[in-house]
PDB file of N, CA and C in Angstrom:
ATOM      1  N   MET A   1      63.299 -23.452  52.049  1.00  0.00           N
ATOM      2  CA  MET A   1      62.443 -22.373  52.505  1.00  0.00           C
ATOM      3  C   MET A   1      61.399 -22.880  53.514  1.00  0.00           C
ATOM      4  N   THR A   2      60.841 -24.059  53.253  1.00  0.00           N
ATOM      5  CA  THR A   2      59.854 -24.635  54.167  1.00  0.00           C
ATOM      6  C   THR A   2      60.470 -24.895  55.537  1.00  0.00           C
ATOM      7  N   ARG A   3      61.691 -25.362  55.543  1.00  0.00           N
ATOM      8  CA  ARG A   3      62.369 -25.629  56.818  1.00  0.00           C
ATOM      9  C   ARG A   3      62.598 -24.328  57.589  1.00  0.00           C
ATOM     10  N   LEU A   4      62.951 -23.282  56.873  1.00  0.00           N
ATOM     11  CA  LEU A   4      63.156 -21.983  57.511  1.00  0.00           C
ATOM     12  C   LEU A   4      61.857 -21.471  58.125  1.00  0.00           C
ATOM     13  N   LYS A   5      60.742 -21.606  57.414  1.00  0.00           N
ATOM     14  CA  LYS A   5      59.443 -21.192  57.948  1.00  0.00           C
ATOM     15  C   LYS A   5      59.079 -22.003  59.187  1.00  0.00           C
ATOM     16  N   SER A   6      59.361 -23.290  59.137  1.00  0.00           N
ATOM     17  CA  SER A   6      59.072 -24.156  60.273  1.00  0.00           C
ATOM     18  C   SER A   6      59.890 -23.740  61.491  1.00  0.00           C
ATOM     19  N   MET A   7      61.160 -23.476  61.272  1.00  0.00           N
ATOM     20  CA  MET A   7      62.036 -23.052  62.379  1.00  0.00           C
ATOM     21  C   MET A   7      61.578 -21.698  62.922  1.00  0.00           C
ATOM     22  N   TRP A   8      61.193 -20.781  62.028  1.00  0.00           N
ATOM     23  CA  TRP A   8      60.715 -19.472  62.460  1.00  0.00           C
ATOM     24  C   TRP A   8      59.445 -19.623  63.307  1.00  0.00           C
ATOM     25  N   GLY A   9      58.512 -20.455  62.854  1.00  0.00           N
ATOM     26  CA  GLY A   9      57.283 -20.681  63.606  1.00  0.00           C
ATOM     27  C   GLY A   9      57.557 -21.257  64.982  1.00  0.00           C
ATOM     28  N   TRP A  10      58.489 -22.182  65.050  1.00  0.00           N
ATOM     29  CA  TRP A  10      58.867 -22.769  66.341  1.00  0.00           C
ATOM     30  C   TRP A  10      59.480 -21.716  67.249  1.00  0.00           C
ATOM     31  N   ALA A  11      60.342 -20.867  66.692  1.00  0.00           N
ATOM     32  CA  ALA A  11      60.984 -19.818  67.483  1.00  0.00           C
ATOM     33  C   ALA A  11      59.957 -18.812  68.005  1.00  0.00           C
ATOM     34  N   VAL A  12      59.000 -18.434  67.158  1.00  0.00           N
ATOM     35  CA  VAL A  12      57.959 -17.490  67.579  1.00  0.00           C
ATOM     36  C   VAL A  12      57.104 -18.103  68.678  1.00  0.00           C
ATOM     37  N   GLN A  13      56.709 -19.357  68.517  1.00  0.00           N
ATOM     38  CA  GLN A  13      55.902 -20.026  69.531  1.00  0.00           C
ATOM     39  C   GLN A  13      56.659 -20.106  70.853  1.00  0.00           C
ATOM     40  N   THR A  14      57.926 -20.456  70.804  1.00  0.00           N
ATOM     41  CA  THR A  14      58.744 -20.540  72.011  1.00  0.00           C
ATOM     42  C   THR A  14      58.843 -19.190  72.702  1.00  0.00           C
ATOM     43  N   ALA A  15      59.091 -18.140  71.933  1.00  0.00           N
ATOM     44  CA  ALA A  15      59.199 -16.798  72.514  1.00  0.00           C
ATOM     45  C   ALA A  15      57.890 -16.380  73.170  1.00  0.00           C
ATOM     46  N   ARG A  16      56.780 -16.662  72.511  1.00  0.00           N
ATOM     47  CA  ARG A  16      55.480 -16.298  73.091  1.00  0.00           C
ATOM     48  C   ARG A  16      55.227 -17.033  74.388  1.00  0.00           C
ATOM     49  N   LEU A  17      55.542 -18.315  74.422  1.00  0.00           N
ATOM     50  CA  LEU A  17      55.338 -19.087  75.651  1.00  0.00           C
ATOM     51  C   LEU A  17      56.255 -18.594  76.762  1.00  0.00           C
ATOM     52  N   MET A  18      57.447 -18.150  76.415  1.00  0.00           N
ATOM     53  CA  MET A  18      58.396 -17.650  77.422  1.00  0.00           C
ATOM     54  C   MET A  18      57.889 -16.380  78.101  1.00  0.00           C
ATOM     55  N   VAL A  19      57.152 -15.557  77.366  1.00  0.00           N
ATOM     56  CA  VAL A  19      56.635 -14.328  77.953  1.00  0.00           C
ATOM     57  C   VAL A  19      55.190 -14.462  78.409  1.00  0.00           C
ATOM     58  N   GLY A  20      54.645 -15.663  78.308  1.00  0.00           N
ATOM     59  CA  GLY A  20      53.319 -15.919  78.853  1.00  0.00           C
ATOM     60  C   GLY A  20      52.162 -15.764  77.897  1.00  0.00           C
ATOM     61  N   VAL A  21      52.417 -15.703  76.598  1.00  0.00           N
ATOM     62  CA  VAL A  21      51.332 -15.616  75.623  1.00  0.00           C
ATOM     63  C   VAL A  21      50.973 -17.039  75.205  1.00  0.00           C
ATOM     64  N   PRO A  22      49.766 -17.501  75.517  1.00  0.00           N
ATOM     65  CA  PRO A  22      49.383 -18.872  75.203  1.00  0.00           C
ATOM     66  C   PRO A  22      49.198 -19.100  73.709  1.00  0.00           C
ATOM     67  N   ASP A  23      49.257 -20.354  73.286  1.00  0.00           N
ATOM     68  CA  ASP A  23      49.173 -20.723  71.882  1.00  0.00           C
ATOM     69  C   ASP A  23      47.761 -21.197  71.550  1.00  0.00           C
ATOM     70  N   TYR A  24      46.968 -20.313  70.992  1.00  0.00           N
ATOM     71  CA  TYR A  24      45.570 -20.602  70.677  1.00  0.00           C
ATOM     72  C   TYR A  24      45.445 -21.700  69.623  1.00  0.00           C
ATOM     73  N   ASP A  25      46.302 -21.703  68.622  1.00  0.00           N
ATOM     74  CA  ASP A  25      46.216 -22.712  67.562  1.00  0.00           C
ATOM     75  C   ASP A  25      46.395 -24.125  68.113  1.00  0.00           C
ATOM     76  N   ASN A  26      47.323 -24.308  69.030  1.00  0.00           N
ATOM     77  CA  ASN A  26      47.505 -25.627  69.646  1.00  0.00           C
ATOM     78  C   ASN A  26      46.290 -26.008  70.490  1.00  0.00           C
ATOM     79  N   TYR A  27      45.708 -25.032  71.176  1.00  0.00           N
ATOM     80  CA  TYR A  27      44.504 -25.275  71.965  1.00  0.00           C
ATOM     81  C   TYR A  27      43.373 -25.775  71.068  1.00  0.00           C
ATOM     82  N   VAL A  28      43.150 -25.090  69.944  1.00  0.00           N
ATOM     83  CA  VAL A  28      42.076 -25.471  69.023  1.00  0.00           C
ATOM     84  C   VAL A  28      42.322 -26.869  68.465  1.00  0.00           C
ATOM     85  N   ALA A  29      43.555 -27.154  68.066  1.00  0.00           N
ATOM     86  CA  ALA A  29      43.879 -28.478  67.524  1.00  0.00           C
ATOM     87  C   ALA A  29      43.628 -29.565  68.569  1.00  0.00           C
ATOM     88  N   HIS A  30      44.006 -29.305  69.808  1.00  0.00           N
ATOM     89  CA  HIS A  30      43.795 -30.271  70.888  1.00  0.00           C
ATOM     90  C   HIS A  30      42.307 -30.510  71.127  1.00  0.00           C
ATOM     91  N   ARG A  31      41.516 -29.424  71.166  1.00  0.00           N
ATOM     92  CA  ARG A  31      40.084 -29.570  71.403  1.00  0.00           C
ATOM     93  C   ARG A  31      39.413 -30.362  70.288  1.00  0.00           C
ATOM     94  N   LYS A  32      39.810 -30.088  69.044  1.00  0.00           N
ATOM     95  CA  LYS A  32      39.217 -30.796  67.914  1.00  0.00           C
ATOM     96  C   LYS A  32      39.599 -32.272  67.912  1.00  0.00           C
ATOM     97  N   ALA A  33      40.799 -32.581  68.363  1.00  0.00           N
ATOM     98  CA  ALA A  33      41.272 -33.962  68.356  1.00  0.00           C
ATOM     99  C   ALA A  33      40.744 -34.771  69.543  1.00  0.00           C
ATOM    100  N   ASP A  34      40.723 -34.162  70.725  1.00  0.00           N
ATOM    101  CA  ASP A  34      40.439 -34.928  71.941  1.00  0.00           C
ATOM    102  C   ASP A  34      39.118 -34.602  72.636  1.00  0.00           C
ATOM    103  N   HIS A  35      38.501 -33.492  72.302  1.00  0.00           N
ATOM    104  CA  HIS A  35      37.278 -33.069  72.996  1.00  0.00           C
ATOM    105  C   HIS A  35      36.248 -32.559  71.988  1.00  0.00           C
ATOM    106  N   ARG A  36      35.910 -33.368  71.031  1.00  0.00           N
ATOM    107  CA  ARG A  36      35.040 -32.955  69.925  1.00  0.00           C
ATOM    108  C   ARG A  36      33.656 -32.507  70.369  1.00  0.00           C
ATOM    109  N   ALA A  37      33.119 -33.106  71.404  1.00  0.00           N
ATOM    110  CA  ALA A  37      31.760 -32.788  71.843  1.00  0.00           C
ATOM    111  C   ALA A  37      31.685 -31.489  72.647  1.00  0.00           C
ATOM    112  N   GLU A  38      32.823 -30.975  73.085  1.00  0.00           N
ATOM    113  CA  GLU A  38      32.841 -29.770  73.910  1.00  0.00           C
ATOM    114  C   GLU A  38      33.088 -28.532  73.050  1.00  0.00           C
ATOM    115  N   PRO A  39      32.538 -27.394  73.461  1.00  0.00           N
ATOM    116  CA  PRO A  39      32.734 -26.171  72.669  1.00  0.00           C
ATOM    117  C   PRO A  39      34.179 -25.667  72.739  1.00  0.00           C
ATOM    118  N   ILE A  40      34.562 -24.909  71.722  1.00  0.00           N
ATOM    119  CA  ILE A  40      35.895 -24.308  71.663  1.00  0.00           C
ATOM    120  C   ILE A  40      35.752 -22.823  71.970  1.00  0.00           C
ATOM    121  N   MET A  41      36.550 -22.332  72.905  1.00  0.00           N
ATOM    122  CA  MET A  41      36.497 -20.917  73.262  1.00  0.00           C
ATOM    123  C   MET A  41      36.984 -20.060  72.089  1.00  0.00           C
ATOM    124  N   THR A  42      36.470 -18.845  72.013  1.00  0.00           N
ATOM    125  CA  THR A  42      36.994 -17.888  71.045  1.00  0.00           C
ATOM    126  C   THR A  42      38.381 -17.461  71.517  1.00  0.00           C
ATOM    127  N   TYR A  43      39.114 -16.768  70.648  1.00  0.00           N
ATOM    128  CA  TYR A  43      40.451 -16.313  71.042  1.00  0.00           C
ATOM    129  C   TYR A  43      40.381 -15.403  72.263  1.00  0.00           C
ATOM    130  N   VAL A  44      39.409 -14.503  72.290  1.00  0.00           N
ATOM    131  CA  VAL A  44      39.280 -13.571  73.410  1.00  0.00           C
ATOM    132  C   VAL A  44      38.987 -14.323  74.709  1.00  0.00           C
ATOM    133  N   GLU A  45      38.054 -15.275  74.668  1.00  0.00           N
ATOM    134  CA  GLU A  45      37.737 -16.083  75.847  1.00  0.00           C
ATOM    135  C   GLU A  45      38.961 -16.862  76.309  1.00  0.00           C
ATOM    136  N   PHE A  46      39.666 -17.464  75.352  1.00  0.00           N
ATOM    137  CA  PHE A  46      40.857 -18.251  75.660  1.00  0.00           C
ATOM    138  C   PHE A  46      41.925 -17.378  76.313  1.00  0.00           C
ATOM    139  N   PHE A  47      42.170 -16.199  75.736  1.00  0.00           N
ATOM    140  CA  PHE A  47      43.198 -15.313  76.264  1.00  0.00           C
ATOM    141  C   PHE A  47      42.862 -14.876  77.684  1.00  0.00           C
ATOM    142  N   ARG A  48      41.599 -14.508  77.923  1.00  0.00           N
ATOM    143  CA  ARG A  48      41.186 -14.088  79.270  1.00  0.00           C
ATOM    144  C   ARG A  48      41.296 -15.224  80.276  1.00  0.00           C
ATOM    145  N   GLU A  49      40.899 -16.421  79.866  1.00  0.00           N
ATOM    146  CA  GLU A  49      40.986 -17.579  80.765  1.00  0.00           C
ATOM    147  C   GLU A  49      42.433 -17.859  81.131  1.00  0.00           C
ATOM    148  N   ARG A  50      43.329 -17.788  80.155  1.00  0.00           N
ATOM    149  CA  ARG A  50      44.751 -18.024  80.417  1.00  0.00           C
ATOM    150  C   ARG A  50      45.334 -16.934  81.299  1.00  0.00           C
ATOM    151  N   GLN A  51      44.928 -15.685  81.082  1.00  0.00           N
ATOM    152  CA  GLN A  51      45.394 -14.594  81.931  1.00  0.00           C
ATOM    153  C   GLN A  51      44.928 -14.796  83.359  1.00  0.00           C
ATOM    154  N   ASN A  52      43.655 -15.139  83.531  1.00  0.00           N
ATOM    155  CA  ASN A  52      43.131 -15.380  84.876  1.00  0.00           C
ATOM    156  C   ASN A  52      43.850 -16.540  85.546  1.00  0.00           C
ATOM    157  N   ALA A  53      44.136 -17.586  84.793  1.00  0.00           N
ATOM    158  CA  ALA A  53      44.846 -18.728  85.361  1.00  0.00           C
ATOM    159  C   ALA A  53      46.272 -18.347  85.751  1.00  0.00           C
ATOM    160  N   ARG A  54      46.906 -17.540  84.948  1.00  0.00           N
ATOM    161  CA  ARG A  54      48.297 -17.161  85.229  1.00  0.00           C
ATOM    162  C   ARG A  54      48.393 -16.248  86.439  1.00  0.00           C
ATOM    163  N   TYR A  55      47.519 -15.270  86.512  1.00  0.00           N
ATOM    164  CA  TYR A  55      47.610 -14.280  87.579  1.00  0.00           C
ATOM    165  C   TYR A  55      46.652 -14.543  88.729  1.00  0.00           C
ATOM    166  N   ALA A  56      45.849 -15.589  88.638  1.00  0.00           N
ATOM    167  CA  ALA A  56      44.898 -15.961  89.687  1.00  0.00           C
ATOM    168  C   ALA A  56      44.025 -14.778  90.084  1.00  0.00           C
ATOM    169  N   CYS A  57      43.555 -14.026  89.103  1.00  0.00           N
ATOM    170  CA  CYS A  57      42.739 -12.836  89.359  1.00  0.00           C
ATOM    171  C   CYS A  57      41.460 -13.175  90.102  1.00  0.00           C
ATOM    172  N   GLU A  58      40.845 -14.271  89.758  1.00  0.00           N
ATOM    173  CA  GLU A  58      39.567 -14.620  90.375  1.00  0.00           C
ATOM    174  C   GLU A  58      39.730 -15.123  91.804  1.00  0.00           C
ATOM    175  N   LYS A  59      40.911 -15.532  92.181  1.00  0.00           N
ATOM    176  CA  LYS A  59      41.141 -16.075  93.520  1.00  0.00           C
ATOM    177  C   LYS A  59      41.659 -15.023  94.489  1.00  0.00           C
ATOM    178  N   GLY A  60      41.864 -13.792  94.007  1.00  0.00           N
ATOM    179  CA  GLY A  60      42.304 -12.736  94.891  1.00  0.00           C
ATOM    180  C   GLY A  60      43.791 -12.718  95.190  1.00  0.00           C
ATOM    181  N   ARG A  61      44.563 -13.555  94.507  1.00  0.00           N
ATOM    182  CA  ARG A  61      46.007 -13.585  94.784  1.00  0.00           C
ATOM    183  C   ARG A  61      46.732 -12.424  94.115  1.00  0.00           C
ATOM    184  N   PHE A  62      46.216 -11.919  93.013  1.00  0.00           N
ATOM    185  CA  PHE A  62      46.889 -10.848  92.300  1.00  0.00           C
ATOM    186  C   PHE A  62      46.650  -9.534  93.035  1.00  0.00           C
ATOM    187  N   ARG A  63      47.707  -8.895  93.432  1.00  0.00           N
ATOM    188  CA  ARG A  63      47.600  -7.666  94.217  1.00  0.00           C
ATOM    189  C   ARG A  63      47.820  -6.415  93.386  1.00  0.00           C
ATOM    190  N   GLY A  64      48.295  -6.561  92.160  1.00  0.00           N
ATOM    191  CA  GLY A  64      48.542  -5.377  91.347  1.00  0.00           C
ATOM    192  C   GLY A  64      49.850  -4.709  91.735  1.00  0.00           C
ATOM    193  N   CYS A  65      49.893  -3.424  91.585  1.00  0.00           N
ATOM    194  CA  CYS A  65      51.128  -2.672  91.774  1.00  0.00           C
ATOM    195  C   CYS A  65      51.508  -2.523  93.237  1.00  0.00           C
ATOM    196  N   CYS A  66      50.591  -2.067  94.054  1.00  0.00           N
ATOM    197  CA  CYS A  66      50.998  -1.690  95.411  1.00  0.00           C
ATOM    198  C   CYS A  66      50.313  -2.504  96.456  1.00  0.00           C
TER     199      CYS A  66
END
């Protein structure tokens, strides 16, 4: 059963990354392990930052629909 849960978690993470949904849990683990002195973004902050990075909203590259 544990192996099945592990495989399911891996499949869900892979699917999310394929459609562009970032993995907040991995981000938090990385920050705690490698950047202890720096603050950790909330999920909302993290999601917005990743969206901006993906679509380059702040740089004016995203044109929207038309």
